[in-house]
């Protein structure tokens, strides 16, 4: 949903509710129970200062999810995928963060970040008396 503010979100949610209470009450109940309480995390209405509103990063992550975790199989049921995301993938993500935090694994950097890091490291290697000559 792409409402610009919480009031517009409420209007859109009510439209969604009216539609799916008639068409598919099970789907609406699922969305209401699991996603509505977390609406501040996924709706643009509460994400004014968000740096990204595109889905490029999500598409990249989705490709990694399909390739490395789901092995490109298309026959998974939705309940299995949700379980897999919440139990296996979330655990692996948290483990990776801890490994980076404790220094067991390097943080993956973009090309630009690697370039800046290399420049900083090169500056640190210059003897202090030569810094003022730069």
N, C-alpha and C. Protein backbone atom coordinates (compact mmCIF):
# COMPACT_ATOMS: atom_id res chain seq x y z
N UNK A 1 0.85 -1.19 0.00
CA UNK A 1 0.00 0.00 0.00
C UNK A 1 0.88 1.24 0.00
N UNK A 2 0.49 2.23 -0.75
CA UNK A 2 1.30 3.43 -0.90
C UNK A 2 0.63 4.71 -0.42
N UNK A 3 -0.12 4.69 0.65
CA UNK A 3 -0.71 5.95 1.13
C UNK A 3 0.37 6.86 1.69
N UNK A 4 0.14 8.16 1.60
CA UNK A 4 1.14 9.13 2.03
C UNK A 4 1.08 9.44 3.52
N UNK A 5 -0.03 9.14 4.17
CA UNK A 5 -0.16 9.43 5.60
C UNK A 5 -1.08 8.38 6.24
N UNK A 6 -1.08 8.31 7.57
CA UNK A 6 -1.89 7.30 8.27
C UNK A 6 -3.39 7.39 7.98
N UNK A 7 -3.89 8.60 7.77
CA UNK A 7 -5.33 8.74 7.48
C UNK A 7 -5.68 8.08 6.15
N UNK A 8 -4.83 8.30 5.15
CA UNK A 8 -5.06 7.68 3.84
C UNK A 8 -4.91 6.16 3.95
N UNK A 9 -3.99 5.72 4.80
CA UNK A 9 -3.84 4.28 5.02
C UNK A 9 -5.15 3.70 5.56
N UNK A 10 -5.75 4.37 6.53
CA UNK A 10 -7.01 3.88 7.11
C UNK A 10 -8.10 3.77 6.05
N UNK A 11 -8.16 4.75 5.16
CA UNK A 11 -9.16 4.71 4.08
C UNK A 11 -8.90 3.50 3.18
N UNK A 12 -7.64 3.30 2.79
CA UNK A 12 -7.29 2.17 1.91
C UNK A 12 -7.52 0.83 2.61
N UNK A 13 -7.19 0.77 3.91
CA UNK A 13 -7.40 -0.47 4.65
C UNK A 13 -8.89 -0.79 4.72
N UNK A 14 -9.73 0.21 4.92
CA UNK A 14 -11.18 -0.02 4.96
C UNK A 14 -11.70 -0.51 3.63
N UNK A 15 -11.15 0.02 2.53
CA UNK A 15 -11.54 -0.48 1.20
C UNK A 15 -11.12 -1.95 1.05
N UNK A 16 -9.91 -2.25 1.48
CA UNK A 16 -9.41 -3.62 1.44
C UNK A 16 -10.31 -4.54 2.28
N UNK A 17 -10.65 -4.07 3.47
CA UNK A 17 -11.49 -4.86 4.38
C UNK A 17 -12.85 -5.14 3.76
N UNK A 18 -13.48 -4.13 3.19
CA UNK A 18 -14.81 -4.30 2.59
C UNK A 18 -14.77 -5.29 1.44
N UNK A 19 -13.71 -5.22 0.67
CA UNK A 19 -13.57 -6.12 -0.48
C UNK A 19 -13.36 -7.57 -0.02
N UNK A 20 -12.40 -7.79 0.86
CA UNK A 20 -12.02 -9.16 1.21
C UNK A 20 -12.87 -9.79 2.29
N UNK A 21 -13.62 -9.01 3.05
CA UNK A 21 -14.56 -9.63 3.98
C UNK A 21 -15.64 -10.38 3.22
N UNK A 22 -15.94 -9.90 2.02
CA UNK A 22 -16.94 -10.56 1.18
C UNK A 22 -16.31 -11.67 0.35
N UNK A 23 -15.17 -11.36 -0.29
CA UNK A 23 -14.56 -12.31 -1.22
C UNK A 23 -13.81 -13.45 -0.54
N UNK A 24 -13.02 -13.13 0.49
CA UNK A 24 -12.17 -14.15 1.12
C UNK A 24 -11.88 -13.76 2.56
N UNK A 25 -12.75 -14.13 3.45
CA UNK A 25 -12.62 -13.72 4.85
C UNK A 25 -11.38 -14.35 5.50
N UNK A 26 -10.97 -15.52 5.04
CA UNK A 26 -9.77 -16.17 5.59
C UNK A 26 -8.53 -15.32 5.31
N UNK A 27 -8.43 -14.85 4.08
CA UNK A 27 -7.29 -14.00 3.71
C UNK A 27 -7.31 -12.71 4.51
N UNK A 28 -8.47 -12.10 4.61
CA UNK A 28 -8.55 -10.85 5.39
C UNK A 28 -8.17 -11.09 6.85
N UNK A 29 -8.67 -12.16 7.43
CA UNK A 29 -8.35 -12.47 8.84
C UNK A 29 -6.85 -12.65 9.02
N UNK A 30 -6.23 -13.35 8.07
CA UNK A 30 -4.78 -13.55 8.13
C UNK A 30 -4.06 -12.20 8.07
N UNK A 31 -4.42 -11.35 7.12
CA UNK A 31 -3.78 -10.04 6.97
C UNK A 31 -4.01 -9.18 8.22
N UNK A 32 -5.22 -9.23 8.75
CA UNK A 32 -5.53 -8.43 9.93
C UNK A 32 -4.75 -8.92 11.15
N UNK A 33 -4.64 -10.22 11.32
CA UNK A 33 -3.95 -10.77 12.49
C UNK A 33 -2.43 -10.59 12.43
N UNK A 34 -1.85 -10.74 11.23
CA UNK A 34 -0.39 -10.77 11.15
C UNK A 34 0.24 -9.49 10.60
N UNK A 35 -0.43 -8.79 9.70
CA UNK A 35 0.20 -7.63 9.07
C UNK A 35 -0.33 -6.29 9.58
N UNK A 36 -1.58 -6.22 9.90
CA UNK A 36 -2.13 -4.95 10.36
C UNK A 36 -1.43 -4.43 11.61
N UNK A 37 -1.13 -5.27 12.61
CA UNK A 37 -0.44 -4.75 13.80
C UNK A 37 0.97 -4.22 13.50
N UNK A 38 1.56 -4.65 12.38
CA UNK A 38 2.91 -4.23 12.01
C UNK A 38 2.90 -3.21 10.88
N UNK A 39 1.80 -2.54 10.66
CA UNK A 39 1.65 -1.65 9.51
C UNK A 39 2.68 -0.52 9.47
N UNK A 40 3.17 -0.10 10.63
CA UNK A 40 4.16 0.98 10.66
C UNK A 40 5.48 0.55 10.02
N UNK A 41 5.73 -0.75 9.96
CA UNK A 41 6.98 -1.25 9.40
C UNK A 41 6.93 -1.41 7.89
N UNK A 42 5.75 -1.65 7.31
CA UNK A 42 5.71 -1.94 5.89
C UNK A 42 4.95 -0.92 5.06
N UNK A 43 4.16 -0.07 5.67
CA UNK A 43 3.39 0.90 4.89
C UNK A 43 4.16 2.21 4.74
N UNK A 44 4.09 2.77 3.56
CA UNK A 44 4.79 4.03 3.26
C UNK A 44 4.25 5.19 4.11
N UNK A 45 3.05 5.05 4.62
CA UNK A 45 2.45 6.12 5.43
C UNK A 45 3.28 6.46 6.66
N UNK A 46 3.96 5.48 7.21
CA UNK A 46 4.77 5.70 8.41
C UNK A 46 6.26 5.75 8.11
N UNK A 47 6.62 5.75 6.85
CA UNK A 47 8.03 5.70 6.47
C UNK A 47 8.45 6.94 5.69
N UNK A 48 8.12 8.10 6.19
CA UNK A 48 8.43 9.35 5.50
C UNK A 48 9.92 9.51 5.24
N UNK A 49 10.74 9.23 6.23
CA UNK A 49 12.17 9.43 6.10
C UNK A 49 12.91 8.25 5.52
N UNK A 50 12.18 7.28 5.01
CA UNK A 50 12.85 6.10 4.46
C UNK A 50 13.69 6.49 3.25
N UNK A 51 14.87 5.93 3.21
CA UNK A 51 15.80 6.27 2.14
C UNK A 51 15.38 5.62 0.82
N UNK A 52 14.79 4.44 0.90
CA UNK A 52 14.42 3.72 -0.31
C UNK A 52 12.92 3.46 -0.34
N UNK A 53 12.31 3.76 -1.45
CA UNK A 53 10.91 3.41 -1.66
C UNK A 53 10.78 2.49 -2.87
N UNK A 54 11.91 2.10 -3.42
CA UNK A 54 11.88 1.17 -4.55
C UNK A 54 12.11 -0.23 -4.02
N UNK A 55 11.98 -1.18 -4.90
CA UNK A 55 12.11 -2.56 -4.46
C UNK A 55 13.36 -3.24 -5.01
N UNK A 56 14.35 -2.47 -5.47
CA UNK A 56 15.56 -3.06 -6.04
C UNK A 56 16.30 -3.93 -5.02
N UNK A 57 16.46 -3.45 -3.80
CA UNK A 57 17.14 -4.24 -2.78
C UNK A 57 16.35 -5.50 -2.44
N UNK A 58 15.04 -5.37 -2.43
CA UNK A 58 14.19 -6.52 -2.13
C UNK A 58 14.28 -7.55 -3.25
N UNK A 59 14.31 -7.08 -4.50
CA UNK A 59 14.43 -8.00 -5.63
C UNK A 59 15.74 -8.78 -5.56
N UNK A 60 16.82 -8.09 -5.21
CA UNK A 60 18.12 -8.75 -5.08
C UNK A 60 18.08 -9.79 -3.97
N UNK A 61 17.50 -9.42 -2.83
CA UNK A 61 17.39 -10.35 -1.71
C UNK A 61 16.49 -11.53 -2.08
N UNK A 62 15.42 -11.26 -2.80
CA UNK A 62 14.50 -12.31 -3.22
C UNK A 62 15.22 -13.32 -4.11
N UNK A 63 16.09 -12.83 -5.00
CA UNK A 63 16.86 -13.72 -5.85
C UNK A 63 17.78 -14.60 -5.01
N UNK A 64 18.43 -14.03 -4.01
CA UNK A 64 19.29 -14.82 -3.12
C UNK A 64 18.47 -15.85 -2.34
N UNK A 65 17.31 -15.44 -1.89
CA UNK A 65 16.43 -16.35 -1.16
C UNK A 65 16.05 -17.55 -2.03
N UNK A 66 15.64 -17.28 -3.26
CA UNK A 66 15.24 -18.36 -4.16
C UNK A 66 16.42 -19.25 -4.52
N UNK A 67 17.59 -18.65 -4.74
CA UNK A 67 18.75 -19.41 -5.18
C UNK A 67 19.36 -20.23 -4.05
N UNK A 68 19.66 -19.60 -2.93
CA UNK A 68 20.42 -20.25 -1.88
C UNK A 68 19.56 -21.03 -0.88
N UNK A 69 18.38 -20.54 -0.60
CA UNK A 69 17.56 -21.19 0.42
C UNK A 69 16.52 -22.14 -0.16
N UNK A 70 15.82 -21.68 -1.19
CA UNK A 70 14.73 -22.50 -1.72
C UNK A 70 15.16 -23.34 -2.92
N UNK A 71 16.41 -23.20 -3.35
CA UNK A 71 17.01 -24.01 -4.42
C UNK A 71 16.20 -23.96 -5.73
N UNK A 72 15.59 -22.81 -5.99
CA UNK A 72 14.84 -22.55 -7.23
C UNK A 72 13.64 -23.46 -7.43
N UNK A 73 13.19 -24.11 -6.38
CA UNK A 73 12.00 -24.95 -6.47
C UNK A 73 10.76 -24.07 -6.39
N UNK A 74 9.77 -24.34 -7.22
CA UNK A 74 8.56 -23.51 -7.25
C UNK A 74 7.38 -24.17 -6.56
N UNK A 75 7.56 -25.32 -5.99
CA UNK A 75 6.43 -26.09 -5.47
C UNK A 75 6.20 -25.91 -3.98
N UNK A 76 6.73 -24.87 -3.37
CA UNK A 76 6.55 -24.68 -1.93
C UNK A 76 5.19 -24.06 -1.63
N UNK A 77 4.55 -24.56 -0.60
CA UNK A 77 3.29 -23.97 -0.14
C UNK A 77 3.60 -22.71 0.66
N UNK A 78 2.62 -21.81 0.72
CA UNK A 78 2.84 -20.52 1.39
C UNK A 78 3.11 -20.70 2.88
N UNK A 79 2.47 -21.66 3.53
CA UNK A 79 2.73 -21.86 4.95
C UNK A 79 4.17 -22.32 5.18
N UNK A 80 4.71 -23.15 4.26
CA UNK A 80 6.09 -23.58 4.38
C UNK A 80 7.04 -22.39 4.18
N UNK A 81 6.76 -21.56 3.20
CA UNK A 81 7.62 -20.39 2.93
C UNK A 81 7.63 -19.45 4.13
N UNK A 82 6.48 -19.20 4.72
CA UNK A 82 6.41 -18.32 5.89
C UNK A 82 7.18 -18.94 7.05
N UNK A 83 6.99 -20.24 7.29
CA UNK A 83 7.74 -20.90 8.34
C UNK A 83 9.24 -20.81 8.07
N UNK A 84 9.63 -21.07 6.83
CA UNK A 84 11.04 -21.06 6.45
C UNK A 84 11.65 -19.67 6.66
N UNK A 85 10.93 -18.63 6.29
CA UNK A 85 11.43 -17.26 6.47
C UNK A 85 11.59 -16.93 7.95
N UNK A 86 10.61 -17.29 8.75
CA UNK A 86 10.65 -16.89 10.16
C UNK A 86 11.58 -17.75 11.00
N UNK A 87 11.81 -18.99 10.60
CA UNK A 87 12.63 -19.89 11.41
C UNK A 87 14.06 -20.03 10.88
N UNK A 88 14.21 -20.28 9.61
CA UNK A 88 15.53 -20.58 9.04
C UNK A 88 16.25 -19.33 8.57
N UNK A 89 15.60 -18.56 7.71
CA UNK A 89 16.26 -17.39 7.13
C UNK A 89 16.52 -16.32 8.18
N UNK A 90 15.56 -16.05 9.03
CA UNK A 90 15.76 -15.05 10.09
C UNK A 90 16.91 -15.46 11.01
N UNK A 91 16.99 -16.73 11.35
CA UNK A 91 18.07 -17.23 12.20
C UNK A 91 19.43 -17.06 11.51
N UNK A 92 19.50 -17.38 10.23
CA UNK A 92 20.76 -17.23 9.48
C UNK A 92 21.16 -15.76 9.38
N UNK A 93 20.17 -14.88 9.19
CA UNK A 93 20.45 -13.45 9.12
C UNK A 93 21.01 -12.93 10.44
N UNK A 94 20.37 -13.31 11.53
CA UNK A 94 20.84 -12.89 12.85
C UNK A 94 22.23 -13.46 13.16
N UNK A 95 22.46 -14.68 12.75
CA UNK A 95 23.78 -15.28 12.96
C UNK A 95 24.85 -14.54 12.17
N UNK A 96 24.54 -14.15 10.96
CA UNK A 96 25.48 -13.39 10.13
C UNK A 96 25.80 -12.04 10.77
N UNK A 97 24.80 -11.37 11.32
CA UNK A 97 25.02 -10.09 11.99
C UNK A 97 25.95 -10.27 13.18
N UNK A 98 25.71 -11.31 13.96
CA UNK A 98 26.57 -11.57 15.12
C UNK A 98 28.00 -11.91 14.71
N UNK A 99 28.17 -12.64 13.62
CA UNK A 99 29.50 -12.97 13.14
C UNK A 99 30.26 -11.72 12.71
N UNK A 100 29.58 -10.81 12.04
CA UNK A 100 30.20 -9.55 11.65
C UNK A 100 30.54 -8.73 12.89
N UNK A 101 29.61 -8.65 13.82
CA UNK A 101 29.80 -7.86 15.03
C UNK A 101 31.00 -8.34 15.84
N UNK A 102 31.18 -9.66 15.94
CA UNK A 102 32.26 -10.22 16.74
C UNK A 102 33.54 -10.43 15.93
N UNK A 103 33.54 -10.05 14.66
CA UNK A 103 34.75 -10.11 13.86
C UNK A 103 35.07 -11.45 13.23
N UNK A 104 34.13 -12.38 13.22
CA UNK A 104 34.36 -13.68 12.59
C UNK A 104 34.13 -13.62 11.08
N UNK A 105 33.44 -12.61 10.63
CA UNK A 105 33.08 -12.48 9.22
C UNK A 105 33.17 -11.01 8.84
N UNK A 106 33.64 -10.75 7.62
CA UNK A 106 33.70 -9.37 7.15
C UNK A 106 32.33 -8.93 6.66
N UNK A 107 32.05 -7.64 6.85
CA UNK A 107 30.81 -7.08 6.34
C UNK A 107 30.95 -6.92 4.83
N UNK A 108 29.96 -7.32 4.09
CA UNK A 108 30.02 -7.15 2.64
C UNK A 108 29.78 -5.68 2.30
N UNK A 109 30.65 -5.15 1.47
CA UNK A 109 30.58 -3.74 1.09
C UNK A 109 30.29 -3.61 -0.40
N UNK A 110 29.69 -2.49 -0.77
CA UNK A 110 29.50 -2.21 -2.19
C UNK A 110 30.83 -1.77 -2.79
N UNK A 111 30.89 -1.66 -4.09
CA UNK A 111 32.13 -1.23 -4.75
C UNK A 111 32.57 0.14 -4.26
N UNK A 112 31.62 1.05 -4.12
CA UNK A 112 31.95 2.40 -3.67
C UNK A 112 32.45 2.39 -2.23
N UNK A 113 31.82 1.59 -1.38
CA UNK A 113 32.26 1.49 0.01
C UNK A 113 33.66 0.88 0.10
N UNK A 114 33.94 -0.13 -0.74
CA UNK A 114 35.27 -0.73 -0.76
C UNK A 114 36.32 0.29 -1.20
N UNK A 115 35.97 1.10 -2.20
CA UNK A 115 36.90 2.13 -2.69
C UNK A 115 37.23 3.13 -1.58
N UNK A 116 36.20 3.62 -0.87
CA UNK A 116 36.42 4.56 0.24
C UNK A 116 37.23 3.93 1.36
N UNK A 117 36.94 2.66 1.65
CA UNK A 117 37.68 1.97 2.70
C UNK A 117 39.16 1.85 2.32
N UNK A 118 39.44 1.50 1.08
CA UNK A 118 40.82 1.39 0.62
C UNK A 118 41.53 2.73 0.71
N UNK A 119 40.85 3.80 0.32
CA UNK A 119 41.44 5.13 0.42
C UNK A 119 41.77 5.48 1.87
N UNK A 120 40.89 5.19 2.78
CA UNK A 120 41.15 5.46 4.20
C UNK A 120 42.34 4.65 4.71
N UNK A 121 42.39 3.39 4.32
CA UNK A 121 43.50 2.54 4.76
C UNK A 121 44.82 3.05 4.20
N UNK A 122 44.81 3.51 2.95
CA UNK A 122 46.03 4.06 2.34
C UNK A 122 46.48 5.32 3.08
N UNK A 123 45.53 6.15 3.48
CA UNK A 123 45.87 7.36 4.23
C UNK A 123 46.48 7.01 5.58
N UNK A 124 46.00 5.93 6.19
CA UNK A 124 46.53 5.53 7.49
C UNK A 124 47.96 5.03 7.38
N UNK A 125 48.37 4.55 6.21
CA UNK A 125 49.72 4.02 6.01
C UNK A 125 50.76 5.12 5.78
N UNK A 126 50.34 6.34 5.47
CA UNK A 126 51.26 7.45 5.23
C UNK A 126 51.84 7.89 6.57
N UNK A 127 53.17 7.96 6.68
CA UNK A 127 53.75 8.45 7.94
C UNK A 127 53.24 9.86 8.27
N UNK A 128 53.08 10.14 9.55
CA UNK A 128 52.47 11.40 9.98
C UNK A 128 53.23 12.62 9.48
N UNK A 129 54.56 12.57 9.39
CA UNK A 129 55.28 13.74 8.95
C UNK A 129 54.98 14.05 7.49
N UNK A 130 54.56 13.06 6.70
CA UNK A 130 54.27 13.29 5.29
C UNK A 130 52.83 13.76 5.05
N UNK A 131 51.97 13.63 6.03
CA UNK A 131 50.57 14.02 5.86
C UNK A 131 50.47 15.52 5.55
N UNK A 132 51.28 16.33 6.22
CA UNK A 132 51.19 17.77 6.02
C UNK A 132 51.72 18.20 4.65
N UNK A 133 52.46 17.35 3.98
CA UNK A 133 52.98 17.67 2.66
C UNK A 133 51.93 17.41 1.58
N UNK A 134 50.90 16.67 1.90
CA UNK A 134 49.84 16.38 0.93
C UNK A 134 49.05 17.61 0.72
